[in-house]
Every structure is written in structure tokens, then in C-alpha cells.
Amino acid sequence: MTNLQALSLTPRDLNNITLLKSHGLSIVEVKISQVSFAKGQLLSNIKLPENTRVVCLIRNHKAIVELEATFLEEKDSVYLITDDEETVRHVFTL
């Protein structure tokens, strides 16, 4: 786990984000709410749209990048890269 205070964006990071957008991709944050379908689900069991990848999960101000066996909890923030932001948001809020 990584302490969030150590994370910051550099000009190179901003260029990479711009490059992703130029290829039709977005970085999406989805917050898990009390009534979210995804709450309590194993992250690897959630069916994501094609061309979508989970980048990391933030829980209690710590980044989790080992996601294979992670169950989602209320207040988690899931960060994804996708070309289908609408479907991603729908999947996590059903």
C-alpha cells in the first residue's frame, strides 16, 4: 500500500493523461456507496466493459494495487481507464 501523500502529478503525468484522452480513453473514479451493487463484491468478479482496466483502489487514504482478491467496501474509490465511462459508472451503481 502506498501513502497518498507521496503521490503527485508531474508534467509527464499530465501529458500521459492527455495522450489517453486523444485515444478516446478516460480515467474514471467510482466511489462505492452504501447501496452500490459492487459493495461486498470481489473486484475480479465484476464484469467490466471491454477496453477497461482497474488501475487502483483507494481505501482509508491508502492505495491498493494488488486487486485480484480485493472485496469492495463502502467508501472505496476505484480508479479505472476506459473508453466507456457511462457503462463503467452503471456497472458500479446498479
PDB file of N, CA and C in Angstrom:
ATOM      1  N   MET A   1       0.828  -1.169   0.000  1.00  0.00           N
ATOM      2  CA  MET A   1       0.000   0.000   0.000  1.00  0.00           C
ATOM      3  C   MET A   1       0.879   1.241   0.000  1.00  0.00           C
ATOM      4  N   THR A   2       0.390   2.259  -0.659  1.00  0.00           N
ATOM      5  CA  THR A   2       1.140   3.495  -0.789  1.00  0.00           C
ATOM      6  C   THR A   2       0.414   4.608  -0.062  1.00  0.00           C
ATOM      7  N   ASN A   3       1.139   5.414   0.670  1.00  0.00           N
ATOM      8  CA  ASN A   3       0.560   6.565   1.327  1.00  0.00           C
ATOM      9  C   ASN A   3       0.220   7.604   0.268  1.00  0.00           C
ATOM     10  N   LEU A   4      -1.015   8.098   0.255  1.00  0.00           N
ATOM     11  CA  LEU A   4      -1.451   9.050  -0.765  1.00  0.00           C
ATOM     12  C   LEU A   4      -0.685  10.355  -0.733  1.00  0.00           C
ATOM     13  N   GLN A   5      -0.163  10.742   0.398  1.00  0.00           N
ATOM     14  CA  GLN A   5       0.581  11.985   0.470  1.00  0.00           C
ATOM     15  C   GLN A   5       1.828  11.944  -0.400  1.00  0.00           C
ATOM     16  N   ALA A   6       2.314  10.771  -0.721  1.00  0.00           N
ATOM     17  CA  ALA A   6       3.513  10.637  -1.546  1.00  0.00           C
ATOM     18  C   ALA A   6       3.195  10.746  -3.038  1.00  0.00           C
ATOM     19  N   LEU A   7       1.905  10.727  -3.407  1.00  0.00           N
ATOM     20  CA  LEU A   7       1.510  10.779  -4.802  1.00  0.00           C
ATOM     21  C   LEU A   7       1.302  12.220  -5.245  1.00  0.00           C
ATOM     22  N   SER A   8       1.824  12.559  -6.422  1.00  0.00           N
ATOM     23  CA  SER A   8       1.588  13.875  -7.001  1.00  0.00           C
ATOM     24  C   SER A   8       1.726  13.775  -8.513  1.00  0.00           C
ATOM     25  N   LEU A   9       1.054  14.679  -9.222  1.00  0.00           N
ATOM     26  CA  LEU A   9       1.116  14.687 -10.677  1.00  0.00           C
ATOM     27  C   LEU A   9       2.288  15.533 -11.153  1.00  0.00           C
ATOM     28  N   THR A  10       2.983  15.001 -12.115  1.00  0.00           N
ATOM     29  CA  THR A  10       4.081  15.728 -12.747  1.00  0.00           C
ATOM     30  C   THR A  10       3.623  16.166 -14.137  1.00  0.00           C
ATOM     31  N   PRO A  11       4.369  17.054 -14.797  1.00  0.00           N
ATOM     32  CA  PRO A  11       4.016  17.414 -16.172  1.00  0.00           C
ATOM     33  C   PRO A  11       3.953  16.192 -17.091  1.00  0.00           C
ATOM     34  N   ARG A  12       4.811  15.216 -16.873  1.00  0.00           N
ATOM     35  CA  ARG A  12       4.765  13.993 -17.678  1.00  0.00           C
ATOM     36  C   ARG A  12       3.450  13.246 -17.465  1.00  0.00           C
ATOM     37  N   ASP A  13       2.991  13.179 -16.203  1.00  0.00           N
ATOM     38  CA  ASP A  13       1.707  12.540 -15.916  1.00  0.00           C
ATOM     39  C   ASP A  13       0.582  13.233 -16.669  1.00  0.00           C
ATOM     40  N   LEU A  14       0.579  14.548 -16.656  1.00  0.00           N
ATOM     41  CA  LEU A  14      -0.458  15.302 -17.362  1.00  0.00           C
ATOM     42  C   LEU A  14      -0.401  15.042 -18.863  1.00  0.00           C
ATOM     43  N   ASN A  15       0.802  14.922 -19.412  1.00  0.00           N
ATOM     44  CA  ASN A  15       0.942  14.583 -20.832  1.00  0.00           C
ATOM     45  C   ASN A  15       0.373  13.198 -21.114  1.00  0.00           C
ATOM     46  N   ASN A  16       0.615  12.256 -20.202  1.00  0.00           N
ATOM     47  CA  ASN A  16       0.089  10.900 -20.376  1.00  0.00           C
ATOM     48  C   ASN A  16      -1.433  10.888 -20.333  1.00  0.00           C
ATOM     49  N   ILE A  17      -2.018  11.682 -19.438  1.00  0.00           N
ATOM     50  CA  ILE A  17      -3.478  11.780 -19.369  1.00  0.00           C
ATOM     51  C   ILE A  17      -4.017  12.355 -20.669  1.00  0.00           C
ATOM     52  N   THR A  18      -3.365  13.381 -21.196  1.00  0.00           N
ATOM     53  CA  THR A  18      -3.771  13.984 -22.470  1.00  0.00           C
ATOM     54  C   THR A  18      -3.665  12.969 -23.593  1.00  0.00           C
ATOM     55  N   LEU A  19      -2.616  12.158 -23.585  1.00  0.00           N
ATOM     56  CA  LEU A  19      -2.446  11.117 -24.596  1.00  0.00           C
ATOM     57  C   LEU A  19      -3.571  10.089 -24.514  1.00  0.00           C
ATOM     58  N   LEU A  20      -3.933   9.677 -23.306  1.00  0.00           N
ATOM     59  CA  LEU A  20      -5.052   8.743 -23.140  1.00  0.00           C
ATOM     60  C   LEU A  20      -6.328   9.332 -23.731  1.00  0.00           C
ATOM     61  N   LYS A  21      -6.611  10.595 -23.423  1.00  0.00           N
ATOM     62  CA  LYS A  21      -7.823  11.238 -23.926  1.00  0.00           C
ATOM     63  C   LYS A  21      -7.811  11.313 -25.448  1.00  0.00           C
ATOM     64  N   SER A  22      -6.639  11.532 -26.043  1.00  0.00           N
ATOM     65  CA  SER A  22      -6.555  11.626 -27.506  1.00  0.00           C
ATOM     66  C   SER A  22      -6.840  10.282 -28.170  1.00  0.00           C
ATOM     67  N   HIS A  23      -6.773   9.200 -27.407  1.00  0.00           N
ATOM     68  CA  HIS A  23      -7.089   7.862 -27.907  1.00  0.00           C
ATOM     69  C   HIS A  23      -8.475   7.401 -27.442  1.00  0.00           C
ATOM     70  N   GLY A  24      -9.278   8.344 -26.946  1.00  0.00           N
ATOM     71  CA  GLY A  24     -10.641   8.029 -26.559  1.00  0.00           C
ATOM     72  C   GLY A  24     -10.787   7.381 -25.198  1.00  0.00           C
ATOM     73  N   LEU A  25      -9.751   7.462 -24.381  1.00  0.00           N
ATOM     74  CA  LEU A  25      -9.786   6.844 -23.054  1.00  0.00           C
ATOM     75  C   LEU A  25      -9.948   7.899 -21.973  1.00  0.00           C
ATOM     76  N   SER A  26     -10.569   7.497 -20.870  1.00  0.00           N
ATOM     77  CA  SER A  26     -10.738   8.374 -19.718  1.00  0.00           C
ATOM     78  C   SER A  26     -10.274   7.658 -18.467  1.00  0.00           C
ATOM     79  N   ILE A  27      -9.831   8.451 -17.502  1.00  0.00           N
ATOM     80  CA  ILE A  27      -9.564   7.927 -16.166  1.00  0.00           C
ATOM     81  C   ILE A  27     -10.819   8.228 -15.359  1.00  0.00           C
ATOM     82  N   VAL A  28     -11.407   7.190 -14.778  1.00  0.00           N
ATOM     83  CA  VAL A  28     -12.684   7.313 -14.089  1.00  0.00           C
ATOM     84  C   VAL A  28     -12.516   6.922 -12.631  1.00  0.00           C
ATOM     85  N   GLU A  29     -13.110   7.714 -11.748  1.00  0.00           N
ATOM     86  CA  GLU A  29     -13.181   7.366 -10.334  1.00  0.00           C
ATOM     87  C   GLU A  29     -14.615   6.970 -10.024  1.00  0.00           C
ATOM     88  N   VAL A  30     -14.783   5.824  -9.391  1.00  0.00           N
ATOM     89  CA  VAL A  30     -16.103   5.369  -8.953  1.00  0.00           C
ATOM     90  C   VAL A  30     -16.024   5.161  -7.443  1.00  0.00           C
ATOM     91  N   LYS A  31     -16.923   5.817  -6.707  1.00  0.00           N
ATOM     92  CA  LYS A  31     -16.967   5.649  -5.254  1.00  0.00           C
ATOM     93  C   LYS A  31     -18.037   4.617  -4.910  1.00  0.00           C
ATOM     94  N   ILE A  32     -17.671   3.710  -4.035  1.00  0.00           N
ATOM     95  CA  ILE A  32     -18.596   2.665  -3.614  1.00  0.00           C
ATOM     96  C   ILE A  32     -19.459   3.222  -2.479  1.00  0.00           C
ATOM     97  N   SER A  33     -20.760   3.236  -2.719  1.00  0.00           N
ATOM     98  CA  SER A  33     -21.685   3.775  -1.728  1.00  0.00           C
ATOM     99  C   SER A  33     -22.315   2.644  -0.913  1.00  0.00           C
ATOM    100  N   GLN A  34     -23.083   3.037   0.071  1.00  0.00           N
ATOM    101  CA  GLN A  34     -23.761   2.076   0.939  1.00  0.00           C
ATOM    102  C   GLN A  34     -24.717   1.197   0.145  1.00  0.00           C
ATOM    103  N   VAL A  35     -25.309   1.728  -0.920  1.00  0.00           N
ATOM    104  CA  VAL A  35     -26.302   0.982  -1.697  1.00  0.00           C
ATOM    105  C   VAL A  35     -25.748   0.473  -3.035  1.00  0.00           C
ATOM    106  N   SER A  36     -24.458   0.626  -3.257  1.00  0.00           N
ATOM    107  CA  SER A  36     -23.846   0.190  -4.513  1.00  0.00           C
ATOM    108  C   SER A  36     -23.917  -1.324  -4.674  1.00  0.00           C
ATOM    109  N   PHE A  37     -24.243  -1.761  -5.877  1.00  0.00           N
ATOM    110  CA  PHE A  37     -24.231  -3.184  -6.217  1.00  0.00           C
ATOM    111  C   PHE A  37     -22.864  -3.791  -5.912  1.00  0.00           C
ATOM    112  N   ALA A  38     -21.808  -3.027  -6.129  1.00  0.00           N
ATOM    113  CA  ALA A  38     -20.448  -3.546  -6.012  1.00  0.00           C
ATOM    114  C   ALA A  38     -19.987  -3.742  -4.570  1.00  0.00           C
ATOM    115  N   LYS A  39     -20.670  -3.112  -3.624  1.00  0.00           N
ATOM    116  CA  LYS A  39     -20.272  -3.231  -2.212  1.00  0.00           C
ATOM    117  C   LYS A  39     -20.307  -4.705  -1.801  1.00  0.00           C
ATOM    118  N   GLY A  40     -19.192  -5.186  -1.265  1.00  0.00           N
ATOM    119  CA  GLY A  40     -19.087  -6.573  -0.816  1.00  0.00           C
ATOM    120  C   GLY A  40     -18.699  -7.551  -1.909  1.00  0.00           C
ATOM    121  N   GLN A  41     -18.624  -7.069  -3.151  1.00  0.00           N
ATOM    122  CA  GLN A  41     -18.273  -7.936  -4.279  1.00  0.00           C
ATOM    123  C   GLN A  41     -16.755  -8.054  -4.407  1.00  0.00           C
ATOM    124  N   LEU A  42     -16.322  -9.192  -4.885  1.00  0.00           N
ATOM    125  CA  LEU A  42     -14.920  -9.390  -5.225  1.00  0.00           C
ATOM    126  C   LEU A  42     -14.662  -8.608  -6.505  1.00  0.00           C
ATOM    127  N   LEU A  43     -13.706  -7.708  -6.477  1.00  0.00           N
ATOM    128  CA  LEU A  43     -13.458  -6.832  -7.619  1.00  0.00           C
ATOM    129  C   LEU A  43     -13.241  -7.620  -8.908  1.00  0.00           C
ATOM    130  N   SER A  44     -12.532  -8.727  -8.829  1.00  0.00           N
ATOM    131  CA  SER A  44     -12.242  -9.512 -10.031  1.00  0.00           C
ATOM    132  C   SER A  44     -13.489 -10.196 -10.596  1.00  0.00           C
ATOM    133  N   ASN A  45     -14.591 -10.252  -9.836  1.00  0.00           N
ATOM    134  CA  ASN A  45     -15.834 -10.855 -10.320  1.00  0.00           C
ATOM    135  C   ASN A  45     -16.762  -9.856 -11.009  1.00  0.00           C
ATOM    136  N   ILE A  46     -16.438  -8.576 -10.958  1.00  0.00           N
ATOM    137  CA  ILE A  46     -17.291  -7.564 -11.570  1.00  0.00           C
ATOM    138  C   ILE A  46     -17.004  -7.514 -13.060  1.00  0.00           C
ATOM    139  N   LYS A  47     -18.059  -7.676 -13.854  1.00  0.00           N
ATOM    140  CA  LYS A  47     -17.940  -7.684 -15.322  1.00  0.00           C
ATOM    141  C   LYS A  47     -17.790  -6.250 -15.809  1.00  0.00           C
ATOM    142  N   LEU A  48     -16.608  -5.952 -16.317  1.00  0.00           N
ATOM    143  CA  LEU A  48     -16.311  -4.610 -16.828  1.00  0.00           C
ATOM    144  C   LEU A  48     -16.415  -4.590 -18.346  1.00  0.00           C
ATOM    145  N   PRO A  49     -16.699  -3.427 -18.910  1.00  0.00           N
ATOM    146  CA  PRO A  49     -16.746  -3.333 -20.371  1.00  0.00           C
ATOM    147  C   PRO A  49     -15.376  -3.637 -20.982  1.00  0.00           C
ATOM    148  N   GLU A  50     -15.406  -4.034 -22.241  1.00  0.00           N
ATOM    149  CA  GLU A  50     -14.167  -4.243 -22.981  1.00  0.00           C
ATOM    150  C   GLU A  50     -13.361  -2.944 -22.953  1.00  0.00           C
ATOM    151  N   ASN A  51     -12.068  -3.039 -23.053  1.00  0.00           N
ATOM    152  CA  ASN A  51     -11.170  -1.879 -23.036  1.00  0.00           C
ATOM    153  C   ASN A  51     -11.243  -1.095 -21.728  1.00  0.00           C
ATOM    154  N   THR A  52     -11.450  -1.810 -20.627  1.00  0.00           N
ATOM    155  CA  THR A  52     -11.498  -1.183 -19.308  1.00  0.00           C
ATOM    156  C   THR A  52     -10.565  -1.939 -18.375  1.00  0.00           C
ATOM    157  N   ARG A  53      -9.766  -1.192 -17.633  1.00  0.00           N
ATOM    158  CA  ARG A  53      -8.855  -1.797 -16.661  1.00  0.00           C
ATOM    159  C   ARG A  53      -8.907  -1.015 -15.361  1.00  0.00           C
ATOM    160  N   VAL A  54      -8.934  -1.748 -14.244  1.00  0.00           N
ATOM    161  CA  VAL A  54      -8.833  -1.114 -12.936  1.00  0.00           C
ATOM    162  C   VAL A  54      -7.366  -0.777 -12.706  1.00  0.00           C
ATOM    163  N   VAL A  55      -7.113   0.456 -12.312  1.00  0.00           N
ATOM    164  CA  VAL A  55      -5.741   0.910 -12.073  1.00  0.00           C
ATOM    165  C   VAL A  55      -5.377   0.750 -10.604  1.00  0.00           C
ATOM    166  N   CYS A  56      -6.245   1.229  -9.731  1.00  0.00           N
ATOM    167  CA  CYS A  56      -6.002   1.069  -8.299  1.00  0.00           C
ATOM    168  C   CYS A  56      -7.286   1.334  -7.537  1.00  0.00           C
ATOM    169  N   LEU A  57      -7.220   1.072  -6.263  1.00  0.00           N
ATOM    170  CA  LEU A  57      -8.331   1.291  -5.357  1.00  0.00           C
ATOM    171  C   LEU A  57      -7.785   2.065  -4.172  1.00  0.00           C
ATOM    172  N   ILE A  58      -8.532   3.073  -3.732  1.00  0.00           N
ATOM    173  CA  ILE A  58      -8.128   3.839  -2.556  1.00  0.00           C
ATOM    174  C   ILE A  58      -9.066   3.472  -1.418  1.00  0.00           C
ATOM    175  N   ARG A  59      -8.485   3.037  -0.310  1.00  0.00           N
ATOM    176  CA  ARG A  59      -9.257   2.672   0.882  1.00  0.00           C
ATOM    177  C   ARG A  59      -8.552   3.252   2.098  1.00  0.00           C
ATOM    178  N   ASN A  60      -9.276   4.004   2.889  1.00  0.00           N
ATOM    179  CA  ASN A  60      -8.710   4.598   4.108  1.00  0.00           C
ATOM    180  C   ASN A  60      -7.424   5.365   3.828  1.00  0.00           C
ATOM    181  N   HIS A  61      -7.440   6.140   2.748  1.00  0.00           N
ATOM    182  CA  HIS A  61      -6.323   7.009   2.362  1.00  0.00           C
ATOM    183  C   HIS A  61      -5.066   6.239   1.941  1.00  0.00           C
ATOM    184  N   LYS A  62      -5.228   4.980   1.561  1.00  0.00           N
ATOM    185  CA  LYS A  62      -4.106   4.170   1.088  1.00  0.00           C
ATOM    186  C   LYS A  62      -4.451   3.574  -0.264  1.00  0.00           C
ATOM    187  N   ALA A  63      -3.461   3.549  -1.154  1.00  0.00           N
ATOM    188  CA  ALA A  63      -3.655   2.962  -2.476  1.00  0.00           C
ATOM    189  C   ALA A  63      -3.415   1.464  -2.417  1.00  0.00           C
ATOM    190  N   ILE A  64      -4.322   0.720  -3.031  1.00  0.00           N
ATOM    191  CA  ILE A  64      -4.190  -0.731  -3.136  1.00  0.00           C
ATOM    192  C   ILE A  64      -4.054  -1.049  -4.619  1.00  0.00           C
ATOM    193  N   VAL A  65      -2.953  -1.669  -4.995  1.00  0.00           N
ATOM    194  CA  VAL A  65      -2.746  -2.008  -6.405  1.00  0.00           C
ATOM    195  C   VAL A  65      -2.810  -3.508  -6.653  1.00  0.00           C
ATOM    196  N   GLU A  66      -2.733  -4.304  -5.600  1.00  0.00           N
ATOM    197  CA  GLU A  66      -2.916  -5.752  -5.700  1.00  0.00           C
ATOM    198  C   GLU A  66      -4.412  -6.012  -5.568  1.00  0.00           C
ATOM    199  N   LEU A  67      -5.104  -6.116  -6.683  1.00  0.00           N
ATOM    200  CA  LEU A  67      -6.562  -6.085  -6.682  1.00  0.00           C
ATOM    201  C   LEU A  67      -7.229  -7.433  -6.866  1.00  0.00           C
ATOM    202  N   GLU A  68      -6.496  -8.443  -7.190  1.00  0.00           N
ATOM    203  CA  GLU A  68      -7.067  -9.743  -7.550  1.00  0.00           C
ATOM    204  C   GLU A  68      -8.059 -10.268  -6.518  1.00  0.00           C
ATOM    205  N   ALA A  69      -7.729 -10.216  -5.244  1.00  0.00           N
ATOM    206  CA  ALA A  69      -8.580 -10.804  -4.202  1.00  0.00           C
ATOM    207  C   ALA A  69      -9.175  -9.736  -3.285  1.00  0.00           C
ATOM    208  N   THR A  70      -9.493  -8.577  -3.844  1.00  0.00           N
ATOM    209  CA  THR A  70     -10.000  -7.463  -3.051  1.00  0.00           C
ATOM    210  C   THR A  70     -11.521  -7.399  -3.103  1.00  0.00           C
ATOM    211  N   PHE A  71     -12.146  -7.414  -1.936  1.00  0.00           N
ATOM    212  CA  PHE A  71     -13.584  -7.201  -1.829  1.00  0.00           C
ATOM    213  C   PHE A  71     -13.827  -5.706  -1.648  1.00  0.00           C
ATOM    214  N   LEU A  72     -14.790  -5.165  -2.381  1.00  0.00           N
ATOM    215  CA  LEU A  72     -15.070  -3.740  -2.316  1.00  0.00           C
ATOM    216  C   LEU A  72     -15.860  -3.394  -1.068  1.00  0.00           C
ATOM    217  N   GLU A  73     -15.484  -2.271  -0.469  1.00  0.00           N
ATOM    218  CA  GLU A  73     -16.137  -1.802   0.748  1.00  0.00           C
ATOM    219  C   GLU A  73     -16.708  -0.417   0.512  1.00  0.00           C
ATOM    220  N   GLU A  74     -17.718  -0.070   1.310  1.00  0.00           N
ATOM    221  CA  GLU A  74     -18.281   1.269   1.255  1.00  0.00           C
ATOM    222  C   GLU A  74     -17.167   2.299   1.457  1.00  0.00           C
ATOM    223  N   LYS A  75     -17.217   3.357   0.694  1.00  0.00           N
ATOM    224  CA  LYS A  75     -16.263   4.478   0.715  1.00  0.00           C
ATOM    225  C   LYS A  75     -14.984   4.191  -0.072  1.00  0.00           C
ATOM    226  N   ASP A  76     -14.822   2.996  -0.640  1.00  0.00           N
ATOM    227  CA  ASP A  76     -13.690   2.744  -1.532  1.00  0.00           C
ATOM    228  C   ASP A  76     -13.834   3.626  -2.762  1.00  0.00           C
ATOM    229  N   SER A  77     -12.713   4.066  -3.309  1.00  0.00           N
ATOM    230  CA  SER A  77     -12.683   4.749  -4.593  1.00  0.00           C
ATOM    231  C   SER A  77     -11.919   3.860  -5.556  1.00  0.00           C
ATOM    232  N   VAL A  78     -12.578   3.486  -6.657  1.00  0.00           N
ATOM    233  CA  VAL A  78     -11.974   2.624  -7.665  1.00  0.00           C
ATOM    234  C   VAL A  78     -11.599   3.503  -8.851  1.00  0.00           C
ATOM    235  N   TYR A  79     -10.356   3.399  -9.315  1.00  0.00           N
ATOM    236  CA  TYR A  79      -9.879   4.165 -10.460  1.00  0.00           C
ATOM    237  C   TYR A  79      -9.672   3.221 -11.635  1.00  0.00           C
ATOM    238  N   LEU A  80     -10.257   3.599 -12.757  1.00  0.00           N
ATOM    239  CA  LEU A  80     -10.213   2.768 -13.961  1.00  0.00           C
ATOM    240  C   LEU A  80      -9.818   3.605 -15.162  1.00  0.00           C
ATOM    241  N   ILE A  81      -9.286   2.935 -16.182  1.00  0.00           N
ATOM    242  CA  ILE A  81      -9.073   3.533 -17.503  1.00  0.00           C
ATOM    243  C   ILE A  81     -10.038   2.821 -18.434  1.00  0.00           C
ATOM    244  N   THR A  82     -10.804   3.611 -19.212  1.00  0.00           N
ATOM    245  CA  THR A  82     -11.830   3.016 -20.061  1.00  0.00           C
ATOM    246  C   THR A  82     -12.142   3.911 -21.260  1.00  0.00           C
ATOM    247  N   ASP A  83     -12.761   3.303 -22.260  1.00  0.00           N
ATOM    248  CA  ASP A  83     -13.309   4.079 -23.367  1.00  0.00           C
ATOM    249  C   ASP A  83     -14.834   4.115 -23.282  1.00  0.00           C
ATOM    250  N   ASP A  84     -15.380   3.643 -22.148  1.00  0.00           N
ATOM    251  CA  ASP A  84     -16.824   3.567 -21.970  1.00  0.00           C
ATOM    252  C   ASP A  84     -17.202   3.980 -20.542  1.00  0.00           C
ATOM    253  N   GLU A  85     -17.014   5.255 -20.242  1.00  0.00           N
ATOM    254  CA  GLU A  85     -17.233   5.762 -18.889  1.00  0.00           C
ATOM    255  C   GLU A  85     -18.668   5.548 -18.414  1.00  0.00           C
ATOM    256  N   GLU A  86     -19.632   5.732 -19.273  1.00  0.00           N
ATOM    257  CA  GLU A  86     -21.036   5.587 -18.896  1.00  0.00           C
ATOM    258  C   GLU A  86     -21.343   4.172 -18.400  1.00  0.00           C
ATOM    259  N   THR A  87     -20.873   3.172 -19.123  1.00  0.00           N
ATOM    260  CA  THR A  87     -21.127   1.779 -18.725  1.00  0.00           C
ATOM    261  C   THR A  87     -20.391   1.451 -17.427  1.00  0.00           C
ATOM    262  N   VAL A  88     -19.175   1.935 -17.278  1.00  0.00           N
ATOM    263  CA  VAL A  88     -18.416   1.686 -16.051  1.00  0.00           C
ATOM    264  C   VAL A  88     -19.189   2.240 -14.851  1.00  0.00           C
ATOM    265  N   ARG A  89     -19.667   3.453 -14.950  1.00  0.00           N
ATOM    266  CA  ARG A  89     -20.419   4.042 -13.837  1.00  0.00           C
ATOM    267  C   ARG A  89     -21.689   3.246 -13.553  1.00  0.00           C
ATOM    268  N   HIS A  90     -22.337   2.771 -14.601  1.00  0.00           N
ATOM    269  CA  HIS A  90     -23.553   1.976 -14.458  1.00  0.00           C
ATOM    270  C   HIS A  90     -23.263   0.651 -13.742  1.00  0.00           C
ATOM    271  N   VAL A  91     -22.183  -0.006 -14.120  1.00  0.00           N
ATOM    272  CA  VAL A  91     -21.814  -1.303 -13.536  1.00  0.00           C
ATOM    273  C   VAL A  91     -21.641  -1.193 -12.019  1.00  0.00           C
ATOM    274  N   PHE A  92     -21.052  -0.108 -11.556  1.00  0.00           N
ATOM    275  CA  PHE A  92     -20.767   0.033 -10.122  1.00  0.00           C
ATOM    276  C   PHE A  92     -21.935   0.593  -9.327  1.00  0.00           C
ATOM    277  N   THR A  93     -22.975   1.100  -9.993  1.00  0.00           N
ATOM    278  CA  THR A  93     -24.058   1.727  -9.249  1.00  0.00           C
ATOM    279  C   THR A  93     -25.377   0.995  -9.347  1.00  0.00           C
ATOM    280  N   LEU A  94     -25.442  -0.111 -10.076  1.00  0.00           N
ATOM    281  CA  LEU A  94     -26.693  -0.862 -10.210  1.00  0.00           C
ATOM    282  C   LEU A  94     -27.348  -1.111  -8.876  1.00  0.00           C
TER     283      LEU A  94
END
